[in-house]
Each structure stands twice: as structure tokens, then as C-alpha cells.
Amino acid sequence: MPTRIFKILTLLFLSVIVFPSCAEEKAINIWEGTSCKEKVMLTPYIAPGKNNIACIVCPGGSYFWLDKKTEGIGVAEWLQSQGISAFVLEYRVAGINAFIWHDRYSRRGHRYPDMLQDVQRSIELIRNNADRYGIDSNRLGVMGFSAGGHLSAMSGIFFGTNSLASLGITPDVSLKPDFIAPIYPVVSLVDKSTHKRSRRGLLGEGKAISPEMKDSLSLERHVHRDMPPVYLMNCVDDPIVDYHNSVLLDSAMTAAGVKHRYVQFKTGGHGFGVNPQKTTSEAITWKDDFINWLRNLFK
């Protein structure tokens, strides 16, 4: 074998054996071994080192589907490259059949509180396995995009309610995230800025979208001082989720004295995650801004 080829093969071998990739670990079903028979996958992207900051990533998709590529894998790989361990959560959504056929008139399907249960179960599992993942259980946050931003905000507002109790689960760890990051989020279910498709995806059909349910999950109405620190971002030219959603949340958090940072861009659109090719040079700067905010948070 020529010497040059031998050296190349040797380097490739060492890159795999001596310097293993920090790509995603095997996905786990968060409900395995419980009374919940659903299959909800959580995929870890573990950064090198110990006692890392960690973040659960909730892709968007109007609570009907999930943008797993742009707002899931792409975000997780970016966080991992920054030394932050990420966990992509494929939380339960209504599904394409429910979107097209409105079939939740005749069956329950997936709807609230399924999604919140998925997040709280993930928080429980990650904190209970912090040593295995090399993370600090007191530096675990939830980041979400669009409808996933609504979900991340729910995790930071309703942590005092154990949504897992109906499944016979009483966590021995806190369900409160250490930070949340709603990115161009759905917020209100009652304001004129409401994203109605996400509201329907979350609640169901017909009478399931009751005034009481809309009020109970309009997040600007339930902000409280005990929330974790919040990083909030959106764009004024967002064509999908009216930017006033974030304005409402920012105003409510300011009034309640919640520690938070709100970054609003004039341009950038929606659904870009951390991909510079899907947004403007202005909006993509949120990535560095968020990392700086997070580093300062845990100084």
C-alpha cells in the first residue's frame, strides 16, 4: 500500500476511534416504561466536556407538524458547536390528517396538554440523567420556534402544574426550566394577532376552542414574576405570526418584573431558525446575541 494512502487511512481511523464525533446520540422514547403508550422521540446532541449548559429544542409547525430540519436538527447542531448540549424534542402534534380533514371532531387525537406533558417529561429525564449527558441540571432551558415558541413559553409559565400527574408520574426534580427562549413565538389565543392555525392545532375543533381554553393558554395573560429568565426574539415583517404576539409577551413580562431580553428586528421573516440563507443579515445576528445573553446569565 502506498505510504500516502496508508497515512490517509490511518488519520481517518484515528478521527473515528480516538476523536469520536459529537453528533447526535441515539434518540430515546421519553414515554417508554410508563403508562403513556405514545412514542415521542428525544434526540441528544451532546457537546464535549462536563457540566454543560443544555437546551431542549422545540421545532415549530403550527402544532400540526414539526419543522425538524431547520428548527430542530439545524438548531441543535449549532448549539452543540457552541458548547451547549441540545435535545431535539419531537413533541406530539395534531398531524396532517387533522389539518386536512378536521378529524378531531370525532376523535381526541393529539391536543393540549399532550405537548406540555412531553416537555415536562423531557425535563425530568434530562435532569435525572445529567451526569450521563455531562450537563449541569441547574442550567437546562427550553428553546422553541413559532408554535414551539408558545410551547417553550408554556414550560416557563406553567411549571408549577405537574401535567404528568394524570399519568401517575410525580417527578423528583424541578419542572422549572432555568431559562426559556421563545423565538418568533405564537403567544396569544385571544388577541387580534392570534395565529389561528396554531390555536386550532393546540386545542382541537369546534367547542374544544372554548373561550375558557383560549384564555387559559393565552400566555400574555399568565405571566408571573417567578418565571425563569427569558430570551425573546421576532421580526416586524413576519408574514406568518403577527409580531404583536411578542410585543404582548414583552409588555406582560415587563409589567410583572420578569428578567428578560426582547430583541425585535425590522426584517427577517419567519421560520428561519439559525439558517442565514432563510433570513436577513439583520435577523441572523440573533444567534450571537443569544449566546452572549446565555453566557452572561450563567456567569
Protein backbone atom coordinates (compact mmCIF):
# COMPACT_ATOMS: atom_id res chain seq x y z
CA MET A 1 0.00 0.00 0.00
CA PRO A 2 1.49 3.40 -0.94
CA THR A 3 2.66 5.40 2.07
CA ARG A 4 0.36 8.37 1.31
CA ILE A 5 -2.78 6.21 1.17
CA PHE A 6 -1.74 4.45 4.38
CA LYS A 7 -1.37 7.78 6.19
CA ILE A 8 -4.77 8.98 5.00
CA LEU A 9 -6.47 5.77 6.15
CA THR A 10 -4.68 5.99 9.49
CA LEU A 11 -5.88 9.56 10.03
CA LEU A 12 -9.44 8.56 9.15
CA PHE A 13 -9.27 5.68 11.60
CA LEU A 14 -7.99 7.94 14.39
CA SER A 15 -10.68 10.53 13.68
CA VAL A 16 -13.31 7.87 14.36
CA ILE A 17 -11.68 5.96 17.23
CA VAL A 18 -9.54 8.49 19.06
CA PHE A 19 -11.57 11.61 18.28
CA PRO A 20 -15.17 10.37 18.14
CA SER A 21 -17.83 12.57 16.61
CA CYS A 22 -20.07 14.58 18.91
CA ALA A 23 -23.05 14.04 16.63
CA GLU A 24 -26.41 13.09 18.00
CA GLU A 25 -26.77 10.11 20.27
CA LYS A 26 -29.46 7.52 19.78
CA ALA A 27 -32.93 9.01 20.13
CA ILE A 28 -34.98 7.82 23.09
CA ASN A 29 -38.72 7.39 23.50
CA ILE A 30 -39.50 9.55 26.51
CA TRP A 31 -42.60 7.51 27.38
CA GLU A 32 -41.00 4.08 27.33
CA GLY A 33 -41.71 2.21 30.56
CA THR A 34 -44.62 4.45 31.58
CA SER A 35 -48.40 4.18 31.38
CA CYS A 36 -48.33 6.51 28.36
CA LYS A 37 -48.32 4.40 25.19
CA GLU A 38 -47.27 7.22 22.89
CA LYS A 39 -43.95 7.28 21.06
CA VAL A 40 -42.27 10.66 21.46
CA MET A 41 -38.61 10.86 20.49
CA LEU A 42 -35.93 12.99 22.13
CA THR A 43 -32.58 13.16 20.32
CA PRO A 44 -29.48 14.32 22.25
CA TYR A 45 -26.72 16.37 20.61
CA ILE A 46 -24.11 16.33 23.33
CA ALA A 47 -21.30 18.88 23.39
CA PRO A 48 -17.84 17.84 24.64
CA GLY A 49 -16.98 18.49 28.27
CA LYS A 50 -18.76 18.35 31.60
CA ASN A 51 -21.36 20.47 33.37
CA ASN A 52 -22.52 21.96 30.07
CA ILE A 53 -25.48 24.24 29.61
CA ALA A 54 -28.28 22.23 27.98
CA CYS A 55 -31.30 23.18 25.92
CA ILE A 56 -34.42 21.32 24.82
CA VAL A 57 -35.26 22.37 21.24
CA CYS A 58 -38.92 22.51 20.17
CA PRO A 59 -39.41 22.97 16.40
CA GLY A 60 -42.35 24.92 15.04
CA GLY A 61 -45.17 23.79 12.78
CA SER A 62 -48.46 25.31 13.98
CA TYR A 63 -48.98 22.41 16.40
CA PHE A 64 -49.87 20.33 13.32
CA TRP A 65 -46.40 19.24 12.15
CA LEU A 66 -42.76 19.82 13.04
CA ASP A 67 -40.01 21.54 11.07
CA LYS A 68 -37.45 19.03 12.29
CA LYS A 69 -34.72 20.02 9.82
CA THR A 70 -34.48 23.81 10.08
CA GLU A 71 -35.83 24.40 13.59
CA GLY A 72 -34.73 21.08 15.08
CA ILE A 73 -31.56 19.47 13.78
CA GLY A 74 -30.08 22.70 12.41
CA VAL A 75 -30.57 24.48 15.75
CA ALA A 76 -29.25 21.52 17.78
CA GLU A 77 -26.08 21.25 15.71
CA TRP A 78 -25.48 24.99 16.09
CA LEU A 79 -25.96 24.87 19.86
CA GLN A 80 -23.66 21.87 20.05
CA SER A 81 -20.98 23.78 18.12
CA GLN A 82 -21.23 26.49 20.78
CA GLY A 83 -20.57 24.02 23.61
CA ILE A 84 -24.24 23.76 24.54
CA SER A 85 -25.81 20.30 24.64
CA ALA A 86 -29.12 20.16 22.81
CA PHE A 87 -32.08 17.78 22.85
CA VAL A 88 -34.48 17.90 19.92
CA LEU A 89 -37.99 17.06 21.09
CA GLU A 90 -40.48 15.67 18.58
CA TYR A 91 -43.43 16.60 20.75
CA ARG A 92 -46.93 15.45 19.91
CA VAL A 93 -48.81 17.47 17.29
CA ALA A 94 -52.23 17.13 15.69
CA GLY A 95 -50.87 15.76 12.40
CA ILE A 96 -51.58 16.32 8.73
CA ASN A 97 -54.86 14.35 8.76
CA ALA A 98 -56.24 16.59 11.49
CA PHE A 99 -55.16 19.62 9.49
CA ILE A 100 -56.84 18.49 6.26
CA TRP A 101 -59.88 16.54 7.46
CA HIS A 102 -60.62 18.20 10.83
CA ASP A 103 -60.99 14.67 12.18
CA ARG A 104 -60.65 15.69 15.81
CA TYR A 105 -64.36 16.44 15.77
CA SER A 106 -64.85 12.67 16.09
CA ARG A 107 -61.72 11.65 17.99
CA ARG A 108 -59.45 13.22 20.55
CA GLY A 109 -56.21 12.94 18.59
CA HIS A 110 -53.29 14.95 19.89
CA ARG A 111 -54.02 18.25 21.61
CA TYR A 112 -53.22 20.16 24.79
CA PRO A 113 -51.90 19.12 27.31
CA ASP A 114 -50.02 16.43 25.35
CA MET A 115 -47.30 18.84 24.22
CA LEU A 116 -46.69 20.25 27.68
CA GLN A 117 -46.51 16.72 29.08
CA ASP A 118 -43.82 15.92 26.52
CA VAL A 119 -41.72 18.91 27.55
CA GLN A 120 -42.10 18.27 31.26
CA ARG A 121 -41.25 14.60 30.83
CA SER A 122 -38.14 15.60 28.86
CA ILE A 123 -37.06 17.99 31.62
CA GLU A 124 -37.49 15.19 34.15
CA LEU A 125 -35.49 12.67 32.11
CA ILE A 126 -32.65 15.04 31.26
CA ARG A 127 -32.24 16.23 34.84
CA ASN A 128 -32.28 12.65 36.13
CA ASN A 129 -29.57 11.74 33.62
CA ALA A 130 -27.47 14.89 33.89
CA ASP A 131 -24.27 13.03 34.78
CA ARG A 132 -24.65 10.68 31.84
CA TYR A 133 -25.06 13.59 29.43
CA GLY A 134 -22.34 15.72 31.03
CA ILE A 135 -24.67 18.62 31.73
CA ASP A 136 -25.47 20.86 34.67
CA SER A 137 -29.02 20.03 35.77
CA ASN A 138 -29.36 23.62 37.02
CA ARG A 139 -28.62 25.09 33.60
CA LEU A 140 -31.31 23.45 31.49
CA GLY A 141 -33.52 25.58 29.26
CA VAL A 142 -36.21 25.25 26.61
CA MET A 143 -35.97 26.96 23.22
CA GLY A 144 -38.85 26.91 20.76
CA PHE A 145 -39.77 28.36 17.39
CA SER A 146 -43.18 29.67 16.32
CA ALA A 147 -45.72 27.22 17.85
CA GLY A 148 -42.72 25.62 19.55
CA GLY A 149 -42.05 29.08 20.98
CA HIS A 150 -45.50 29.00 22.53
CA LEU A 151 -44.64 25.61 23.99
CA SER A 152 -41.31 26.81 25.37
CA ALA A 153 -43.08 29.75 26.99
CA MET A 154 -45.71 27.42 28.49
CA SER A 155 -42.91 25.43 30.08
CA GLY A 156 -41.65 28.59 31.75
CA ILE A 157 -45.08 29.80 32.87
CA PHE A 158 -46.92 26.61 33.93
CA PHE A 159 -44.03 24.72 35.56
CA GLY A 160 -45.87 24.82 38.87
CA THR A 161 -48.51 22.45 37.49
CA ASN A 162 -47.37 18.85 37.10
CA SER A 163 -49.09 17.84 33.87
CA LEU A 164 -47.62 14.35 34.31
CA ALA A 165 -49.78 13.62 37.35
CA SER A 166 -52.59 12.22 35.21
CA LEU A 167 -50.10 9.60 34.01
CA GLY A 168 -49.15 8.62 37.54
CA ILE A 169 -45.78 10.39 37.37
CA THR A 170 -44.51 12.56 40.20
CA PRO A 171 -41.05 13.89 39.27
CA ASP A 172 -38.43 14.15 42.00
CA VAL A 173 -36.79 17.05 40.16
CA SER A 174 -37.99 20.56 39.41
CA LEU A 175 -40.01 21.02 36.20
CA LYS A 176 -38.99 24.68 36.02
CA PRO A 177 -36.59 25.44 33.15
CA ASP A 178 -33.58 27.57 34.05
CA PHE A 179 -34.24 29.76 31.01
CA ILE A 180 -36.61 29.84 28.06
CA ALA A 181 -36.13 31.18 24.56
CA PRO A 182 -39.33 31.73 22.54
CA ILE A 183 -38.21 32.60 19.00
CA TYR A 184 -40.78 34.37 16.78
CA PRO A 185 -43.41 32.70 19.00
CA VAL A 186 -47.14 32.27 18.94
CA VAL A 187 -48.31 33.89 22.19
CA SER A 188 -51.95 34.96 22.29
CA LEU A 189 -55.02 32.86 21.55
CA VAL A 190 -57.45 35.75 22.04
CA ASP A 191 -55.85 38.89 20.60
CA LYS A 192 -56.45 40.03 17.01
CA SER A 193 -52.85 38.98 16.33
CA THR A 194 -53.68 35.33 17.13
CA HIS A 195 -52.27 32.70 14.77
CA LYS A 196 -55.49 30.77 14.32
CA ARG A 197 -53.95 27.67 12.75
CA SER A 198 -51.72 27.15 15.78
CA ARG A 199 -54.67 27.73 18.09
CA ARG A 200 -56.63 25.06 16.29
CA GLY A 201 -53.65 22.70 16.29
CA LEU A 202 -53.23 23.13 20.02
CA LEU A 203 -56.86 22.95 21.14
CA GLY A 204 -58.79 20.88 18.58
CA GLU A 205 -62.04 21.60 16.78
CA GLY A 206 -65.38 23.26 17.46
CA LYS A 207 -66.31 23.52 21.12
CA ALA A 208 -62.78 22.47 22.13
CA ILE A 209 -61.76 26.00 21.17
CA SER A 210 -63.77 27.49 24.01
CA PRO A 211 -63.33 30.98 25.46
CA GLU A 212 -62.05 29.37 28.66
CA MET A 213 -59.37 27.35 26.87
CA LYS A 214 -58.31 30.29 24.71
CA ASP A 215 -57.93 32.44 27.80
CA SER A 216 -56.10 29.78 29.80
CA LEU A 217 -53.40 29.37 27.14
CA SER A 218 -53.05 33.00 26.04
CA LEU A 219 -49.63 33.38 27.58
CA GLU A 220 -49.60 37.16 27.93
CA ARG A 221 -52.41 36.74 30.48
CA HIS A 222 -50.49 34.31 32.70
CA VAL A 223 -47.04 35.81 33.01
CA HIS A 224 -45.78 35.89 36.60
CA ARG A 225 -42.71 37.10 38.42
CA ASP A 226 -41.44 33.61 39.27
CA MET A 227 -40.77 32.73 35.63
CA PRO A 228 -37.22 31.84 34.57
CA PRO A 229 -35.17 34.34 32.55
CA VAL A 230 -36.47 34.77 29.01
CA TYR A 231 -34.83 35.48 25.66
CA LEU A 232 -37.49 36.64 23.20
CA MET A 233 -36.95 37.43 19.51
CA ASN A 234 -39.07 38.17 16.44
CA CYS A 235 -39.26 40.23 13.25
CA VAL A 236 -41.70 43.01 12.39
CA ASP A 237 -42.09 41.72 8.83
CA ASP A 238 -43.05 38.20 9.98
CA PRO A 239 -45.67 37.05 7.43
CA ILE A 240 -46.89 34.07 9.48
CA VAL A 241 -47.11 35.03 13.16
CA ASP A 242 -48.01 38.68 13.74
CA TYR A 243 -45.13 40.38 15.54
CA HIS A 244 -47.56 41.82 18.09
CA ASN A 245 -47.56 38.38 19.75
CA SER A 246 -44.06 39.06 21.05
CA VAL A 247 -44.92 42.66 21.87
CA LEU A 248 -47.74 41.43 24.11
CA LEU A 249 -45.43 38.98 25.87
CA ASP A 250 -42.70 41.57 26.32
CA SER A 251 -45.16 44.06 27.80
CA ALA A 252 -46.58 41.47 30.20
CA MET A 253 -43.11 40.40 31.35
CA THR A 254 -42.02 43.99 31.82
CA ALA A 255 -45.10 44.71 33.96
CA ALA A 256 -44.51 41.56 36.04
CA GLY A 257 -40.80 42.23 36.54
CA VAL A 258 -39.64 39.10 34.71
CA LYS A 259 -35.95 39.11 33.83
CA HIS A 260 -35.87 39.04 30.05
CA ARG A 261 -34.35 40.35 26.86
CA TYR A 262 -36.55 41.21 23.89
CA VAL A 263 -34.86 41.60 20.51
CA GLN A 264 -37.02 42.85 17.64
CA PHE A 265 -35.74 43.06 14.07
CA LYS A 266 -37.35 45.07 11.28
CA THR A 267 -36.68 42.37 8.70
CA GLY A 268 -36.13 38.63 8.81
CA GLY A 269 -39.44 36.92 8.26
CA HIS A 270 -40.34 33.62 9.89
CA GLY A 271 -39.23 30.02 10.08
CA PHE A 272 -35.51 30.55 9.59
CA GLY A 273 -34.14 29.04 12.79
CA VAL A 274 -30.37 29.58 12.64
CA ASN A 275 -30.08 29.35 8.84
CA PRO A 276 -28.70 32.60 7.37
CA GLN A 277 -29.93 31.63 3.90
CA LYS A 278 -33.53 31.77 5.09
CA THR A 279 -33.47 35.23 6.65
CA THR A 280 -31.77 38.61 6.54
CA SER A 281 -28.29 39.62 7.65
CA GLU A 282 -30.02 41.69 10.33
CA ALA A 283 -32.08 38.92 11.88
CA ILE A 284 -29.42 36.22 11.85
CA THR A 285 -27.43 38.25 14.37
CA TRP A 286 -29.81 36.87 16.99
CA LYS A 287 -27.57 33.82 17.20
CA ASP A 288 -24.56 35.66 18.62
CA ASP A 289 -26.81 37.84 20.74
CA PHE A 290 -28.46 34.82 22.30
CA ILE A 291 -25.14 33.10 23.04
CA ASN A 292 -23.84 36.26 24.73
CA TRP A 293 -27.05 36.56 26.74
CA LEU A 294 -26.81 32.94 27.84
CA ARG A 295 -23.14 33.16 28.81
CA ASN A 296 -23.84 36.27 30.90
CA LEU A 297 -26.84 34.59 32.50
CA PHE A 298 -24.68 31.81 33.91
CA LYS A 299 -21.55 33.76 34.80
